[in-house]
Amino acid sequence: MKSIDYLKSRNIEFKIIHLDEVPKTAQDIERIYSCPLHQVLKTLIFIGEIEPVIIVLPGDKRVDIEKLKEVARQKSFRMAKPDEVKEITGYTIGGVSPFCIEKNVKKIIDENVFKTKIVNIGSGKAEIGIEMNSEELKKAWNGIIADIIE
């Protein structure tokens, strides 16, 4: 998998998690893997008037669109449709990873993600997750770190 190869190439420590069913939401991962929702990171795709934006935030939080507009320097956003998510990221909903996105997109991770010691993030396949220390995630991240939650 591209995301796992990427993490290995950067010497990032992580653990692969095999889920018993295919999750569709952060709440599904919380239930299936029995971890706190704030530890589950959701990767969302927003379509802006200039470019798409990929955001990563804790599973128990919501994006603040006004903050997102400011950080991304765009005037409007809407959530991407499933086919747009696949086209932009190469991944399907439920397994989106913020790593190895080949399209030219802005990537923003909420700074609060790093307040949680252990986080779970998408691998690119819905039934496989990645668990890592948030400091390792920070080393792997190649985008903007900002406050984007409500």
Protein backbone atom coordinates (compact mmCIF):
# COMPACT_ATOMS: atom_id res chain seq x y z
CA MET A 1 0.00 0.00 0.00
CA LYS A 2 1.28 3.43 -0.95
CA SER A 3 0.69 5.05 2.45
CA ILE A 4 2.49 2.28 4.34
CA ASP A 5 5.40 2.37 1.89
CA TYR A 6 5.56 6.15 2.36
CA LEU A 7 5.72 5.86 6.16
CA LYS A 8 8.38 3.15 5.96
CA SER A 9 10.47 5.26 3.57
CA ARG A 10 10.44 8.09 6.12
CA ASN A 11 11.35 5.76 9.01
CA ILE A 12 8.06 6.50 10.77
CA GLU A 13 7.07 4.07 13.52
CA PHE A 14 3.51 2.77 13.20
CA LYS A 15 1.34 -0.28 13.68
CA ILE A 16 -0.99 -1.77 11.08
CA ILE A 17 -4.52 -2.41 12.36
CA HIS A 18 -6.72 -5.02 10.64
CA LEU A 19 -10.40 -4.26 11.20
CA ASP A 20 -13.07 -6.96 11.29
CA GLU A 21 -15.44 -4.99 9.10
CA VAL A 22 -15.27 -2.10 6.65
CA PRO A 23 -15.87 1.20 8.46
CA LYS A 24 -17.63 4.16 6.86
CA THR A 25 -17.19 6.68 9.69
CA ALA A 26 -14.87 7.55 12.56
CA GLN A 27 -17.59 6.26 14.90
CA ASP A 28 -17.42 2.88 13.14
CA ILE A 29 -13.69 2.69 13.85
CA GLU A 30 -14.29 3.69 17.47
CA ARG A 31 -16.76 0.81 17.80
CA ILE A 32 -14.81 -1.82 15.82
CA TYR A 33 -11.38 -1.08 17.29
CA SER A 34 -12.56 0.02 20.75
CA CYS A 35 -10.55 3.22 20.85
CA PRO A 36 -11.68 6.72 21.88
CA LEU A 37 -13.24 8.77 19.08
CA HIS A 38 -10.79 11.67 19.57
CA GLN A 39 -7.98 9.22 18.74
CA VAL A 40 -9.56 8.33 15.37
CA LEU A 41 -8.52 10.85 12.74
CA LYS A 42 -10.88 11.57 9.92
CA THR A 43 -9.62 12.71 6.54
CA LEU A 44 -12.15 14.88 4.72
CA ILE A 45 -12.05 16.40 1.26
CA PHE A 46 -13.49 19.84 0.58
CA ILE A 47 -13.91 21.40 -2.84
CA GLY A 48 -12.97 25.07 -2.93
CA GLU A 49 -13.27 27.59 -5.74
CA ILE A 50 -9.48 27.47 -6.28
CA GLU A 51 -8.46 23.91 -5.38
CA PRO A 52 -9.55 20.92 -3.32
CA VAL A 53 -8.38 20.80 0.29
CA ILE A 54 -7.70 17.67 2.30
CA ILE A 55 -8.17 18.11 6.03
CA VAL A 56 -7.41 15.81 8.95
CA LEU A 57 -9.06 16.30 12.32
CA PRO A 58 -10.01 14.32 15.44
CA GLY A 59 -13.02 12.06 14.94
CA ASP A 60 -15.03 13.82 17.66
CA LYS A 61 -14.61 17.32 16.14
CA ARG A 62 -16.13 19.29 13.30
CA VAL A 63 -14.33 21.57 10.91
CA ASP A 64 -14.93 25.32 11.33
CA ILE A 65 -15.55 26.43 7.75
CA GLU A 66 -14.63 30.06 8.51
CA LYS A 67 -11.26 28.99 9.94
CA LEU A 68 -10.76 26.67 6.97
CA LYS A 69 -11.46 29.51 4.53
CA GLU A 70 -8.86 31.66 6.27
CA VAL A 71 -6.16 28.98 6.45
CA ALA A 72 -6.76 27.70 2.90
CA ARG A 73 -7.19 31.24 1.50
CA GLN A 74 -10.39 30.40 -0.34
CA LYS A 75 -13.85 31.95 -0.17
CA SER A 76 -16.12 28.92 -0.30
CA PHE A 77 -16.14 25.18 0.27
CA ARG A 78 -18.40 22.19 -0.07
CA MET A 79 -17.85 18.57 0.88
CA ALA A 80 -16.56 16.41 -1.96
CA LYS A 81 -18.88 13.76 -3.37
CA PRO A 82 -17.73 10.11 -3.21
CA ASP A 83 -16.60 10.07 -6.87
CA GLU A 84 -14.67 13.33 -6.33
CA VAL A 85 -12.97 11.87 -3.24
CA LYS A 86 -11.79 8.90 -5.33
CA GLU A 87 -10.67 11.15 -8.20
CA ILE A 88 -8.75 13.57 -5.94
CA THR A 89 -7.18 11.11 -3.50
CA GLY A 90 -7.15 7.77 -5.30
CA TYR A 91 -8.88 6.32 -2.22
CA THR A 92 -12.51 5.42 -1.54
CA ILE A 93 -14.56 6.79 1.37
CA GLY A 94 -13.91 4.87 4.57
CA GLY A 95 -10.24 4.33 3.77
CA VAL A 96 -8.91 7.73 2.76
CA SER A 97 -5.30 8.35 3.72
CA PRO A 98 -3.78 11.84 3.66
CA PHE A 99 -0.51 10.32 2.43
CA CYS A 100 0.55 9.74 -1.19
CA ILE A 101 -2.01 12.02 -2.80
CA GLU A 102 -0.74 12.65 -6.31
CA LYS A 103 -3.02 15.56 -7.22
CA ASN A 104 -1.90 19.08 -6.38
CA VAL A 105 -4.02 19.81 -3.30
CA LYS A 106 -3.58 21.74 -0.09
CA LYS A 107 -3.40 19.54 3.01
CA ILE A 108 -4.28 20.85 6.46
CA ILE A 109 -4.17 18.94 9.74
CA ASP A 110 -5.76 20.35 12.86
CA GLU A 111 -3.18 21.23 15.51
CA ASN A 112 -5.29 19.53 18.20
CA VAL A 113 -4.46 16.14 16.66
CA PHE A 114 -1.04 16.39 18.30
CA LYS A 115 -2.50 16.73 21.80
CA THR A 116 -3.46 13.04 21.68
CA LYS A 117 -0.57 10.65 22.23
CA ILE A 118 -1.79 7.76 20.04
CA VAL A 119 -3.80 8.35 16.85
CA ASN A 120 -5.40 6.14 14.21
CA ILE A 121 -5.41 7.27 10.60
CA GLY A 122 -6.54 5.83 7.28
CA SER A 123 -4.19 3.64 5.27
CA GLY A 124 -5.87 3.82 1.89
CA LYS A 125 -7.85 0.61 2.47
CA ALA A 126 -10.97 0.82 4.63
CA GLU A 127 -10.33 -2.45 6.47
CA ILE A 128 -6.74 -1.51 7.39
CA GLY A 129 -5.88 1.34 9.73
CA ILE A 130 -2.62 2.84 10.89
CA GLU A 131 -1.94 3.50 14.57
CA MET A 132 0.96 5.75 15.53
CA ASN A 133 2.27 8.18 18.08
CA SER A 134 1.16 11.71 17.15
CA GLU A 135 4.81 12.83 17.17
CA GLU A 136 5.49 10.27 14.44
CA LEU A 137 2.51 11.64 12.51
CA LYS A 138 3.97 15.13 12.81
CA LYS A 139 7.24 13.86 11.30
CA ALA A 140 5.32 12.24 8.42
CA TRP A 141 3.02 15.20 7.75
CA ASN A 142 3.76 17.26 4.64
CA GLY A 143 1.15 19.98 4.83
CA ILE A 144 -0.15 22.82 6.97
CA ILE A 145 -0.75 22.50 10.72
CA ALA A 146 -3.43 24.93 11.91
CA ASP A 147 -6.50 25.38 14.13
CA ILE A 148 -9.45 24.42 11.93
CA ILE A 149 -12.01 22.95 14.35
CA GLU A 150 -15.13 24.46 15.89
